[in-house]
Amino acid sequence: MHKIYRKRPAGPQNLQLETELSSCPKNYLLVVYISFNNQLLVRSVGAAFE
């Protein structure tokens, strides 16, 4: 579980995300970060069950 949260997506998407997060309040940053990682988790779990 912890490895998923440390993993960073490669490419411009990650740069854009970091730029958006750096200009946000901490609570919003946390929400976006968690939801972003949850999407990755859901995708990997979904792929495992396909």
C-alpha atoms as a PDB file:
ATOM      1  CA  MET A   1       0.000   0.000   0.000  1.00  0.00           C
ATOM      2  CA  HIS A   2       2.765   2.453   0.929  1.00  0.00           C
ATOM      3  CA  LYS A   3       4.629   1.896  -2.351  1.00  0.00           C
ATOM      4  CA  ILE A   4       1.580   3.043  -4.337  1.00  0.00           C
ATOM      5  CA  TYR A   5       1.588   6.394  -2.538  1.00  0.00           C
ATOM      6  CA  ARG A   6       5.290   6.967  -3.208  1.00  0.00           C
ATOM      7  CA  LYS A   7       5.044   6.083  -6.882  1.00  0.00           C
ATOM      8  CA  ARG A   8       5.000   9.049  -9.270  1.00  0.00           C
ATOM      9  CA  PRO A   9       3.572   8.931 -12.789  1.00  0.00           C
ATOM     10  CA  ALA A  10       6.069   9.808 -15.485  1.00  0.00           C
ATOM     11  CA  GLY A  11       5.569  12.568 -18.005  1.00  0.00           C
ATOM     12  CA  PRO A  12       4.048  16.059 -18.182  1.00  0.00           C
ATOM     13  CA  GLN A  13       0.955  14.965 -16.230  1.00  0.00           C
ATOM     14  CA  ASN A  14       3.068  14.757 -13.077  1.00  0.00           C
ATOM     15  CA  LEU A  15       4.572  18.226 -13.662  1.00  0.00           C
ATOM     16  CA  GLN A  16       1.126  19.712 -14.157  1.00  0.00           C
ATOM     17  CA  LEU A  17      -0.150  18.023 -11.003  1.00  0.00           C
ATOM     18  CA  GLU A  18       2.792  19.281  -8.953  1.00  0.00           C
ATOM     19  CA  THR A  19       2.290  22.810 -10.279  1.00  0.00           C
ATOM     20  CA  GLU A  20      -1.384  22.735  -9.324  1.00  0.00           C
ATOM     21  CA  LEU A  21      -0.701  21.284  -5.884  1.00  0.00           C
ATOM     22  CA  SER A  22       2.073  23.751  -5.050  1.00  0.00           C
ATOM     23  CA  SER A  23      -0.366  26.668  -5.392  1.00  0.00           C
ATOM     24  CA  CYS A  24      -3.149  25.058  -3.328  1.00  0.00           C
ATOM     25  CA  PRO A  25      -3.943  25.074   0.397  1.00  0.00           C
ATOM     26  CA  LYS A  26      -2.702  22.001   2.235  1.00  0.00           C
ATOM     27  CA  ASN A  27      -6.145  20.455   2.807  1.00  0.00           C
ATOM     28  CA  TYR A  28      -6.995  20.642  -0.889  1.00  0.00           C
ATOM     29  CA  LEU A  29      -3.542  19.331  -1.768  1.00  0.00           C
ATOM     30  CA  LEU A  30      -4.130  16.323   0.474  1.00  0.00           C
ATOM     31  CA  VAL A  31      -7.558  15.606  -1.026  1.00  0.00           C
ATOM     32  CA  VAL A  32      -6.285  15.820  -4.598  1.00  0.00           C
ATOM     33  CA  TYR A  33      -3.209  13.741  -3.798  1.00  0.00           C
ATOM     34  CA  ILE A  34      -5.258  10.990  -2.141  1.00  0.00           C
ATOM     35  CA  SER A  35      -7.904  10.907  -4.869  1.00  0.00           C
ATOM     36  CA  PHE A  36      -5.189  10.850  -7.550  1.00  0.00           C
ATOM     37  CA  ASN A  37      -3.506   7.870  -5.873  1.00  0.00           C
ATOM     38  CA  ASN A  38      -6.881   6.168  -5.363  1.00  0.00           C
ATOM     39  CA  GLN A  39      -7.488   6.388  -9.123  1.00  0.00           C
ATOM     40  CA  LEU A  40      -4.148   4.660  -9.749  1.00  0.00           C
ATOM     41  CA  LEU A  41      -5.038   2.004  -7.164  1.00  0.00           C
ATOM     42  CA  VAL A  42      -8.479   1.417  -8.699  1.00  0.00           C
ATOM     43  CA  ARG A  43      -6.935   1.085 -12.166  1.00  0.00           C
ATOM     44  CA  SER A  44      -4.313  -1.424 -11.033  1.00  0.00           C
ATOM     45  CA  VAL A  45      -6.892  -3.458  -9.081  1.00  0.00           C
ATOM     46  CA  GLY A  46      -9.291  -3.346 -12.030  1.00  0.00           C
ATOM     47  CA  ALA A  47      -6.531  -4.511 -14.371  1.00  0.00           C
ATOM     48  CA  ALA A  48      -5.734  -7.392 -12.011  1.00  0.00           C
ATOM     49  CA  PHE A  49      -9.327  -8.622 -12.110  1.00  0.00           C
ATOM     50  CA  GLU A  50      -9.744  -8.366 -15.885  1.00  0.00           C
END
